[in-house]
């Protein structure tokens, strides 16, 4: 998959959270290597995901401490990161609209 929106991850990691700095590069690396053609493919590679309307996916990272909201274009093999943050902050956004 081609991951777009990496700057959102980089900006989030600048907050200085040591645990996130260890986890997010692994997620990016796994996603770069993935080839997802459907939500089932994502579910098979990661059980810690939630699916939203409009090909939006919420990836739960670090025991659900962090979340990445992304839009997936299966045909083009693109993951567009829409939002990155703490779980507590996720509850304040509308992941369908960001």
Foldseek 3Di string as FASTA:
>chain_A
DAEADCVQLVVQCVVPDPVSVVWVVVVVVVLVPDQDQDVVSVCVVAVQWDADPQQWIWHQTDPNQKIWIWHADNVVSYTYTDHIDGNVVVVVDDSVPD
